Amino acid sequence: MFERPDSGDRALLVHIDIARFRAPGGHLAHRSGHGEQEPITNIEDERAEFAELARSAGLEVLGLITGSRVKPSARHFIGKGKIEELRQAIVEQGPDVILFGQALTPSQERNLERELNVRVLDRNSLILDIFAQRARTFEGKLQVELAQLVHLSTRLVRGWTHLERQKGGIGLRGPGETQLETDRRLLNERVKVLKKRLVKVRQQREQGRSQRGKSGICTVALVGYTNAGKSTLFNRMTEENVYAADQLFATLDPTLRRLDLAGGVSAVLADTVGFIRDLPHELIDAFRSTLTETLEADLLLHIVDDSDQESDQRRDDVDSVLAGIGADKLPQLMVFNKIDISGHSARVEWSERGEVRSVWLSAVTGEGVAQLLDAISDRLSAQRVSGWLQVLPSQGKLRAQLFAVSAVLEEVVQDDGSIKLLLDIDSAEFARIAREHQMSIESIVPDHPPLAAGGRG
């Protein structure tokens, strides 16, 4: 068996077009497992994204070998002819690693390595490697390591091909199987340790979210396809200097900053990891706590690259991930970025209900960002309930609940023993409390402070 190099800086890419055809209307599509037609990304754009992934991992791309098949080969994923083409390319170009643009099974990777005598990785392994390079925080590093170990657990045998194979007879049994079993046990123990540590980190993050909720501060999360310009916009809005670059997954760890808006509205702006088509399940599971910042946001800013010809497909890919984590029902504000490239002008689009639905801007030049900040302020203000609520002496539980969620700004005791409370509370939170006490939104009166004989504020 070949010796694996310590590093793999030179990569030869392989992207196979599986069972594609032209759907009605001329769009590329493929058949799902139920015989239905599903639209997919343009094949050339998909291959360009794959090459960009490799470059984002710091690899030198030597070339791209393409092909098409009705269905993958169970043994090698590709056919004999394509294997021979790869052998010739390996002799001519001498790559350190062969990268496939689709997910390979562990057996397919092993079989291809035996045939080609070069290390073989698939798209999921490539994305995991990029995440490992970009993780900076303690939580991010834990999440990446956990995802890598889960992915490695099904491919463990590949790392021990230099050991002897078991042979029959006393004194002839090699250490191969024993070493594999030991390594598998150590891997499982490490996974358990990582999961316990992540539970603690997630509890700390949950406490932070709980405190923000009690203080009445809303959370606005930036979501979008990777390289849509989220971090650049984050820096523009918060006047921070978070790392931003023209590469896939430039930002991995979530970053939170306070955002002061017009009308005295304050919010926490969260810059989250970018999404991508067919994000590996290992990463979705491992980064679920990071994505929780998105799940529990009061408003999502869906950032779209306005200069991308496949922007509609990118939006669908992001919506698919949001649906997968249960965040598809949250309020969204569409933000079309990079108008400095697309040539469009900064503008705002309103819905029939009179609220801002879309904003066109440039995070690089700042054009249109002021309109976005005003739109965020309007959307968040519309989601809060403010005014005076009269609480009877018998409604002590209601008063306690309002204080528990930090909704009371002022309290005035009336002569008849009732209490007037000045509230500022999230509309969803008030609706929950109102249902329990059989109240309606009309119970809150947006009026001047009431007169009273005595009070406490």
Protein backbone atom coordinates (compact mmCIF):
# COMPACT_ATOMS: atom_id res chain seq x y z
CA MET A 1 0.00 0.00 0.00
CA PHE A 2 1.19 3.55 -0.70
CA GLU A 3 2.58 5.89 1.97
CA ARG A 4 0.32 8.87 2.61
CA PRO A 5 2.10 12.25 2.41
CA ASP A 6 2.14 14.51 5.47
CA SER A 7 0.44 17.24 3.46
CA GLY A 8 -1.62 17.41 0.31
CA ASP A 9 -1.15 20.80 -1.31
CA ARG A 10 -1.63 19.71 -4.94
CA ALA A 11 -5.07 18.40 -5.82
CA LEU A 12 -6.67 16.91 -8.89
CA LEU A 13 -10.44 17.37 -8.92
CA VAL A 14 -13.01 14.90 -10.21
CA HIS A 15 -16.63 15.91 -10.70
CA ILE A 16 -19.09 13.39 -12.13
CA ASP A 17 -22.50 14.45 -13.45
CA ILE A 18 -24.96 11.85 -12.13
CA ALA A 19 -28.25 11.21 -14.00
CA ARG A 20 -28.88 14.76 -15.17
CA PHE A 21 -31.32 15.75 -17.85
CA ARG A 22 -33.17 18.77 -19.16
CA ALA A 23 -36.42 19.34 -17.31
CA PRO A 24 -39.34 21.23 -18.87
CA GLY A 25 -38.30 24.83 -19.45
CA GLY A 26 -34.69 23.95 -20.18
CA HIS A 27 -33.48 23.81 -16.56
CA LEU A 28 -31.09 21.15 -15.42
CA ALA A 29 -32.70 18.65 -13.07
CA HIS A 30 -32.23 15.18 -11.65
CA ARG A 31 -34.52 12.45 -10.47
CA SER A 32 -35.13 12.04 -6.79
CA GLY A 33 -35.50 8.68 -5.10
CA HIS A 34 -39.27 8.83 -5.68
CA GLY A 35 -39.08 9.47 -9.39
CA GLU A 36 -39.81 13.18 -9.03
CA GLN A 37 -37.89 15.90 -10.82
CA GLU A 38 -35.94 18.30 -8.64
CA PRO A 39 -34.22 21.45 -9.94
CA ILE A 40 -30.53 21.63 -9.21
CA THR A 41 -27.66 24.07 -9.60
CA ASN A 42 -26.24 24.61 -13.08
CA ILE A 43 -23.56 21.97 -13.63
CA GLU A 44 -20.82 24.45 -14.57
CA ASP A 45 -21.60 26.60 -11.55
CA GLU A 46 -21.55 23.53 -9.32
CA ARG A 47 -18.12 22.56 -10.63
CA ALA A 48 -16.81 26.11 -10.20
CA GLU A 49 -18.00 26.06 -6.57
CA PHE A 50 -16.23 22.74 -6.02
CA ALA A 51 -12.98 24.19 -7.36
CA GLU A 52 -13.42 27.24 -5.12
CA LEU A 53 -13.88 24.94 -2.12
CA ALA A 54 -10.55 23.30 -2.90
CA ARG A 55 -8.81 26.68 -3.20
CA SER A 56 -10.42 27.83 0.06
CA ALA A 57 -8.77 24.83 1.74
CA GLY A 58 -5.40 26.14 0.55
CA LEU A 59 -4.96 23.55 -2.20
CA GLU A 60 -3.35 24.10 -5.58
CA VAL A 61 -5.85 22.87 -8.16
CA LEU A 62 -3.99 21.05 -10.93
CA GLY A 63 -7.04 20.33 -13.04
CA LEU A 64 -10.64 19.18 -13.18
CA ILE A 65 -11.67 15.86 -14.68
CA THR A 66 -15.36 15.67 -15.55
CA GLY A 67 -17.72 12.96 -16.69
CA SER A 68 -21.29 11.72 -16.44
CA ARG A 69 -22.97 8.50 -15.40
CA VAL A 70 -26.55 7.30 -15.07
CA LYS A 71 -25.69 6.04 -11.57
CA PRO A 72 -22.46 5.67 -9.57
CA SER A 73 -20.49 2.45 -9.62
CA ALA A 74 -20.91 0.65 -6.29
CA ARG A 75 -17.22 -0.34 -6.26
CA HIS A 76 -15.36 2.73 -7.51
CA PHE A 77 -18.08 5.39 -8.07
CA ILE A 78 -16.56 5.88 -11.56
CA GLY A 79 -16.07 3.42 -14.41
CA LYS A 80 -12.92 1.69 -15.68
CA GLY A 81 -12.40 4.23 -18.45
CA LYS A 82 -12.40 7.14 -16.03
CA ILE A 83 -9.99 5.27 -13.73
CA GLU A 84 -7.56 4.90 -16.62
CA GLU A 85 -7.94 8.62 -17.39
CA LEU A 86 -7.13 9.40 -13.78
CA ARG A 87 -4.06 7.15 -13.82
CA GLN A 88 -2.71 9.02 -16.83
CA ALA A 89 -3.41 12.42 -15.21
CA ILE A 90 -1.64 11.29 -12.02
CA VAL A 91 1.45 10.28 -13.98
CA GLU A 92 1.51 13.61 -15.85
CA GLN A 93 0.66 15.99 -12.98
CA GLY A 94 1.68 14.18 -9.79
CA PRO A 95 -1.11 15.29 -7.40
CA ASP A 96 -0.93 14.68 -3.66
CA VAL A 97 -4.65 14.04 -3.38
CA ILE A 98 -7.64 13.27 -5.60
CA LEU A 99 -10.80 15.15 -4.60
CA PHE A 100 -14.24 13.98 -5.69
CA GLY A 101 -17.08 16.50 -5.93
CA GLN A 102 -19.62 14.03 -4.54
CA ALA A 103 -19.86 12.02 -1.34
CA LEU A 104 -18.06 8.67 -1.50
CA THR A 105 -18.65 5.62 0.65
CA PRO A 106 -15.71 4.36 2.76
CA SER A 107 -15.35 1.31 0.52
CA GLN A 108 -15.31 3.46 -2.63
CA GLU A 109 -12.52 5.61 -1.16
CA ARG A 110 -10.48 2.53 -0.23
CA ASN A 111 -10.99 0.88 -3.63
CA LEU A 112 -10.01 4.05 -5.49
CA GLU A 113 -6.86 4.45 -3.38
CA ARG A 114 -5.84 0.88 -4.18
CA GLU A 115 -6.40 1.48 -7.89
CA LEU A 116 -4.75 4.92 -8.10
CA ASN A 117 -2.12 4.66 -5.34
CA VAL A 118 -2.97 8.24 -4.30
CA ARG A 119 -4.96 9.56 -1.39
CA VAL A 120 -8.66 10.01 -2.25
CA LEU A 121 -11.10 12.32 -0.43
CA ASP A 122 -14.67 13.39 -1.13
CA ARG A 123 -16.47 16.73 -0.90
CA ASN A 124 -17.59 16.18 2.70
CA SER A 125 -14.02 15.56 3.86
CA LEU A 126 -12.94 18.73 2.06
CA ILE A 127 -15.56 20.86 3.83
CA LEU A 128 -14.62 19.33 7.18
CA ASP A 129 -10.98 20.25 6.53
CA ILE A 130 -11.93 23.86 5.73
CA PHE A 131 -13.93 24.08 8.94
CA ALA A 132 -10.96 22.70 10.89
CA GLN A 133 -8.72 25.44 9.47
CA ARG A 134 -11.18 28.26 10.23
CA ALA A 135 -12.29 27.34 13.77
CA ARG A 136 -10.98 29.90 16.24
CA THR A 137 -13.09 29.73 19.40
CA PHE A 138 -13.04 26.88 21.92
CA GLU A 139 -16.58 25.89 20.97
CA GLY A 140 -15.83 25.98 17.26
CA LYS A 141 -12.78 23.74 17.66
CA LEU A 142 -14.78 21.25 19.72
CA GLN A 143 -17.54 21.18 17.11
CA VAL A 144 -15.12 20.64 14.24
CA GLU A 145 -13.24 17.87 16.03
CA LEU A 146 -16.50 16.11 16.87
CA ALA A 147 -17.67 16.32 13.26
CA GLN A 148 -14.33 14.98 12.03
CA LEU A 149 -14.36 12.04 14.44
CA VAL A 150 -17.92 11.11 13.51
CA HIS A 151 -16.92 11.22 9.85
CA LEU A 152 -13.72 9.27 10.53
CA SER A 153 -15.49 6.53 12.48
CA THR A 154 -16.78 4.96 9.27
CA ARG A 155 -13.37 5.26 7.58
CA LEU A 156 -11.14 4.12 10.40
CA VAL A 157 -9.60 1.19 8.51
CA ARG A 158 -8.02 3.56 5.96
CA GLY A 159 -5.58 4.90 8.50
CA TRP A 160 -4.11 1.50 9.38
CA THR A 161 -3.32 -0.04 6.00
CA HIS A 162 0.40 -0.06 6.91
CA LEU A 163 -0.20 -2.70 9.63
CA GLU A 164 0.01 -6.40 9.06
CA ARG A 165 -3.09 -8.30 8.17
CA GLN A 166 -4.10 -11.16 10.43
CA LYS A 167 -2.74 -14.52 9.47
CA GLY A 168 -3.57 -17.96 10.74
CA GLY A 169 -1.34 -19.91 13.09
CA ILE A 170 0.34 -19.24 16.40
CA GLY A 171 2.89 -16.46 16.22
CA LEU A 172 1.68 -15.31 12.81
CA ARG A 173 -1.24 -13.12 13.83
CA GLY A 174 -0.43 -9.49 13.09
CA PRO A 175 -1.49 -6.53 15.20
CA GLY A 176 -3.86 -5.09 12.57
CA GLU A 177 -7.25 -6.02 14.03
CA THR A 178 -6.14 -5.41 17.62
CA GLN A 179 -4.89 -1.95 16.72
CA LEU A 180 -8.12 -1.14 14.90
CA GLU A 181 -10.23 -2.20 17.84
CA THR A 182 -8.08 -0.16 20.22
CA ASP A 183 -8.24 2.89 18.01
CA ARG A 184 -12.00 2.57 17.58
CA ARG A 185 -12.41 2.43 21.36
CA LEU A 186 -10.20 5.50 21.84
CA LEU A 187 -12.15 7.34 19.15
CA ASN A 188 -15.49 6.57 20.83
CA GLU A 189 -14.14 7.71 24.20
CA ARG A 190 -12.95 10.98 22.67
CA VAL A 191 -16.37 11.53 21.08
CA LYS A 192 -18.00 11.11 24.50
CA VAL A 193 -15.61 13.65 26.05
CA LEU A 194 -16.27 16.18 23.29
CA LYS A 195 -20.03 15.81 23.62
CA LYS A 196 -19.84 16.44 27.38
CA ARG A 197 -17.72 19.55 26.86
CA LEU A 198 -20.07 20.84 24.19
CA VAL A 199 -23.02 20.40 26.54
CA LYS A 200 -21.35 22.73 29.03
CA VAL A 201 -20.50 25.29 26.35
CA ARG A 202 -24.04 25.15 25.02
CA GLN A 203 -25.41 25.70 28.52
CA GLN A 204 -23.27 28.82 28.84
CA ARG A 205 -24.45 30.07 25.46
CA GLU A 206 -28.04 29.35 26.46
CA GLN A 207 -27.57 31.42 29.62
CA GLY A 208 -26.36 34.31 27.49
CA ARG A 209 -29.42 34.05 25.25
CA SER A 210 -31.67 33.86 28.30
CA GLN A 211 -30.15 37.02 29.78
CA ARG A 212 -30.63 38.86 26.48
CA GLY A 213 -34.24 37.72 26.42
CA LYS A 214 -34.86 38.93 29.96
CA SER A 215 -33.32 42.30 29.20
CA GLY A 216 -35.63 42.70 26.22
CA ILE A 217 -32.80 42.87 23.68
CA CYS A 218 -33.69 41.38 20.31
CA THR A 219 -31.35 39.22 18.25
CA VAL A 220 -30.82 39.79 14.54
CA ALA A 221 -28.98 36.98 12.75
CA LEU A 222 -27.21 37.22 9.40
CA VAL A 223 -27.82 34.13 7.29
CA GLY A 224 -27.02 33.34 3.70
CA TYR A 225 -24.99 31.30 1.27
CA THR A 226 -21.28 31.23 1.97
CA ASN A 227 -19.38 34.16 0.43
CA ALA A 228 -22.52 36.31 0.10
CA GLY A 229 -20.81 39.10 2.05
CA LYS A 230 -22.26 38.56 5.53
CA SER A 231 -19.09 39.37 7.47
CA THR A 232 -18.38 42.46 5.38
CA LEU A 233 -21.90 43.71 6.05
CA PHE A 234 -21.51 42.80 9.74
CA ASN A 235 -18.39 44.97 9.93
CA ARG A 236 -20.12 47.83 8.13
CA MET A 237 -23.15 47.76 10.45
CA THR A 238 -21.23 47.40 13.73
CA GLU A 239 -17.99 49.23 12.80
CA GLU A 240 -16.08 46.13 13.83
CA ASN A 241 -13.18 44.35 12.14
CA VAL A 242 -14.34 40.73 11.96
CA TYR A 243 -12.32 38.65 9.49
CA ALA A 244 -13.85 38.80 6.02
CA ALA A 245 -12.42 37.49 2.76
CA ASP A 246 -13.52 36.57 -0.74
CA GLN A 247 -13.52 32.83 -0.03
CA LEU A 248 -15.95 30.14 1.03
CA PHE A 249 -16.49 29.76 4.80
CA ALA A 250 -14.33 32.77 5.68
CA THR A 251 -16.35 33.02 8.91
CA LEU A 252 -16.98 29.92 10.99
CA ASP A 253 -17.47 30.90 14.61
CA PRO A 254 -20.53 32.99 15.49
CA THR A 255 -19.79 36.61 16.38
CA LEU A 256 -22.16 38.75 18.46
CA ARG A 257 -22.10 42.54 18.67
CA ARG A 258 -24.49 45.16 20.04
CA LEU A 259 -26.37 47.19 17.44
CA ASP A 260 -27.90 50.54 18.39
CA LEU A 261 -30.70 51.58 16.04
CA ALA A 262 -32.93 54.59 15.53
CA GLY A 263 -35.79 55.19 17.96
CA GLY A 264 -33.83 53.87 20.94
CA VAL A 265 -34.05 50.27 19.69
CA SER A 266 -31.10 48.04 20.59
CA ALA A 267 -30.34 44.58 19.26
CA VAL A 268 -27.63 41.93 19.17
CA LEU A 269 -26.32 41.27 15.67
CA ALA A 270 -25.10 37.69 15.09
CA ASP A 271 -22.81 36.75 12.20
CA THR A 272 -23.14 33.01 11.65
CA VAL A 273 -21.49 30.36 9.49
CA GLY A 274 -22.40 30.47 5.82
CA PHE A 275 -24.56 27.77 4.29
CA ILE A 276 -23.77 25.70 1.23
CA ARG A 277 -25.49 23.20 -1.01
CA ASP A 278 -25.60 19.70 0.53
CA LEU A 279 -23.93 20.72 3.78
CA PRO A 280 -22.62 17.48 5.39
CA HIS A 281 -24.93 16.08 8.05
CA GLU A 282 -21.98 15.74 10.44
CA LEU A 283 -21.52 19.51 10.35
CA ILE A 284 -25.21 20.30 10.74
CA ASP A 285 -25.39 18.09 13.83
CA ALA A 286 -22.11 19.34 15.33
CA PHE A 287 -22.88 23.02 14.71
CA ARG A 288 -26.47 22.84 15.90
CA SER A 289 -25.64 25.02 18.92
CA THR A 290 -24.08 27.63 16.64
CA LEU A 291 -27.13 27.52 14.41
CA THR A 292 -29.29 28.00 17.50
CA GLU A 293 -28.31 31.68 17.32
CA THR A 294 -30.23 31.63 14.06
CA LEU A 295 -33.07 29.51 15.42
CA GLU A 296 -33.76 31.86 18.35
CA ALA A 297 -33.33 35.14 16.47
CA ASP A 298 -36.13 37.70 16.39
CA LEU A 299 -35.28 38.62 12.79
CA LEU A 300 -33.22 36.94 10.07
CA LEU A 301 -31.33 39.03 7.54
CA HIS A 302 -31.13 36.73 4.51
CA ILE A 303 -28.05 37.99 2.65
CA VAL A 304 -28.05 37.28 -1.09
CA ASP A 305 -25.23 37.96 -3.55
CA ASP A 306 -27.01 40.20 -6.07
CA SER A 307 -24.20 39.66 -8.60
CA ASP A 308 -24.55 35.86 -8.54
CA GLN A 309 -26.40 34.46 -11.56
CA GLU A 310 -27.49 31.49 -9.42
CA SER A 311 -28.85 33.68 -6.61
CA ASP A 312 -32.33 32.12 -6.79
CA GLN A 313 -30.88 28.63 -6.33
CA ARG A 314 -28.68 29.90 -3.49
CA ARG A 315 -31.77 31.28 -1.75
CA ASP A 316 -33.47 27.89 -2.05
CA ASP A 317 -30.38 26.16 -0.61
CA VAL A 318 -30.36 28.50 2.41
CA ASP A 319 -34.11 28.09 2.93
CA SER A 320 -33.59 24.31 2.87
CA VAL A 321 -31.00 24.48 5.66
CA LEU A 322 -33.21 26.86 7.67
CA ALA A 323 -36.09 24.41 7.34
CA GLY A 324 -33.78 21.62 8.48
CA ILE A 325 -33.03 23.39 11.77
CA GLY A 326 -36.61 24.63 12.26
CA ALA A 327 -35.92 28.30 11.51
CA ASP A 328 -37.94 28.60 8.30
CA LYS A 329 -40.92 30.24 10.08
CA LEU A 330 -38.91 33.12 11.56
CA PRO A 331 -39.39 36.65 10.18
CA GLN A 332 -36.99 37.36 7.31
CA LEU A 333 -35.73 40.51 5.69
CA MET A 334 -34.13 39.94 2.28
CA VAL A 335 -30.88 41.84 1.76
CA PHE A 336 -29.41 41.88 -1.76
CA ASN A 337 -25.72 42.66 -1.36
CA LYS A 338 -22.93 43.54 -3.84
CA ILE A 339 -24.89 46.06 -5.94
CA ASP A 340 -21.49 47.65 -6.62
CA ILE A 341 -20.84 44.58 -8.80
CA SER A 342 -24.33 43.89 -10.14
CA GLY A 343 -24.84 47.53 -11.15
CA HIS A 344 -28.23 47.86 -9.43
CA SER A 345 -29.09 50.93 -7.37
CA ALA A 346 -29.77 51.01 -3.64
CA ARG A 347 -33.47 50.76 -2.94
CA VAL A 348 -36.11 49.43 -0.57
CA GLU A 349 -39.06 47.22 -1.47
CA TRP A 350 -42.22 47.29 0.67
CA SER A 351 -44.83 44.61 1.24
CA GLU A 352 -48.59 45.10 0.93
CA ARG A 353 -48.76 45.42 4.72
CA GLY A 354 -46.42 48.41 4.63
CA GLU A 355 -43.31 46.76 6.07
CA VAL A 356 -39.90 46.59 4.42
CA ARG A 357 -39.49 43.27 2.60
CA SER A 358 -36.20 43.71 0.70
CA VAL A 359 -33.21 46.06 0.70
CA TRP A 360 -30.57 46.44 -2.03
CA LEU A 361 -27.15 47.62 -0.82
CA SER A 362 -23.38 47.34 -1.01
CA ALA A 363 -21.54 46.31 2.14
CA VAL A 364 -18.26 47.42 0.55
CA THR A 365 -19.26 51.01 -0.31
CA GLY A 366 -21.92 51.40 2.40
CA GLU A 367 -24.59 52.45 -0.09
CA GLY A 368 -28.03 51.41 1.17
CA VAL A 369 -26.82 50.33 4.64
CA ALA A 370 -28.61 53.26 6.33
CA GLN A 371 -31.90 52.11 4.78
CA LEU A 372 -31.25 48.61 6.10
CA LEU A 373 -30.68 49.88 9.64
CA ASP A 374 -33.93 51.85 9.48
CA ALA A 375 -35.76 48.78 8.17
CA ILE A 376 -34.41 46.63 11.03
CA SER A 377 -35.52 49.24 13.56
CA ASP A 378 -39.01 49.34 12.05
CA ARG A 379 -39.34 45.54 11.95
CA LEU A 380 -38.15 45.08 15.54
CA SER A 381 -40.35 47.90 16.84
CA ALA A 382 -43.35 46.29 15.17
CA GLN A 383 -42.59 43.07 17.03
CA ARG A 384 -42.75 44.70 20.49
CA VAL A 385 -45.67 45.78 22.61
CA SER A 386 -45.36 48.97 24.65
CA GLY A 387 -47.82 50.79 26.92
CA TRP A 388 -49.60 50.73 30.27
CA LEU A 389 -51.34 47.69 31.72
CA GLN A 390 -53.62 47.75 34.74
CA VAL A 391 -53.11 44.80 37.10
CA LEU A 392 -55.66 44.01 39.82
CA PRO A 393 -54.60 43.02 43.36
CA SER A 394 -55.75 39.46 42.60
CA GLN A 395 -53.43 39.20 39.58
CA GLY A 396 -50.20 38.80 41.50
CA LYS A 397 -49.07 35.93 39.28
CA LEU A 398 -49.42 38.10 36.15
CA ARG A 399 -47.34 40.86 37.74
CA ALA A 400 -44.65 38.36 38.77
CA GLN A 401 -44.46 36.90 35.25
CA LEU A 402 -44.02 40.33 33.69
CA PHE A 403 -41.22 41.18 36.10
CA ALA A 404 -39.61 37.76 35.45
CA VAL A 405 -39.19 38.54 31.73
CA SER A 406 -37.95 42.10 32.50
CA ALA A 407 -40.94 43.64 30.72
CA VAL A 408 -41.74 46.26 33.39
CA LEU A 409 -40.20 49.70 32.91
CA GLU A 410 -42.25 51.51 35.57
CA GLU A 411 -44.78 50.60 38.26
CA VAL A 412 -47.42 52.96 39.74
CA VAL A 413 -49.71 51.96 42.62
CA GLN A 414 -53.28 53.32 42.39
CA ASP A 415 -55.55 54.46 45.25
CA ASP A 416 -57.85 51.47 44.74
CA GLY A 417 -54.99 49.01 45.23
CA SER A 418 -54.55 48.22 41.54
CA ILE A 419 -51.21 48.69 39.80
CA LYS A 420 -50.32 50.38 36.54
CA LEU A 421 -47.33 48.79 34.78
CA LEU A 422 -45.43 50.45 31.94
CA LEU A 423 -44.41 47.55 29.67
CA ASP A 424 -42.02 46.99 26.82
CA ILE A 425 -42.23 43.34 25.82
CA ASP A 426 -41.80 41.12 22.80
CA SER A 427 -45.16 40.62 21.11
CA ALA A 428 -44.79 36.81 21.06
CA GLU A 429 -43.92 36.76 24.77
CA PHE A 430 -46.88 38.97 25.61
CA ALA A 431 -49.19 36.78 23.52
CA ARG A 432 -48.10 33.74 25.52
CA ILE A 433 -48.73 35.44 28.87
CA ALA A 434 -51.98 37.00 27.63
CA ARG A 435 -53.38 33.60 26.62
CA GLU A 436 -52.69 32.22 30.07
CA HIS A 437 -54.53 35.11 31.74
CA GLN A 438 -57.23 35.47 29.08
CA MET A 439 -56.20 38.98 28.08
CA SER A 440 -55.98 40.68 24.70
CA ILE A 441 -53.58 43.18 23.16
CA GLU A 442 -56.19 45.87 23.79
CA SER A 443 -55.44 45.51 27.52
CA ILE A 444 -52.31 47.60 26.98
CA VAL A 445 -53.00 51.32 26.55
CA PRO A 446 -50.32 53.43 24.81
CA ASP A 447 -50.93 56.52 26.93
CA HIS A 448 -49.16 59.00 29.19
CA PRO A 449 -48.15 57.90 32.71
CA PRO A 450 -51.26 57.62 34.92
CA LEU A 451 -51.81 59.85 37.92
CA ALA A 452 -51.67 58.15 41.34
CA ALA A 453 -51.60 59.02 44.99
CA GLY A 454 -48.51 56.94 45.57
CA GLY A 455 -46.20 54.89 43.42
CA ARG A 456 -43.00 52.95 42.95
CA GLY A 457 -40.93 53.25 39.82
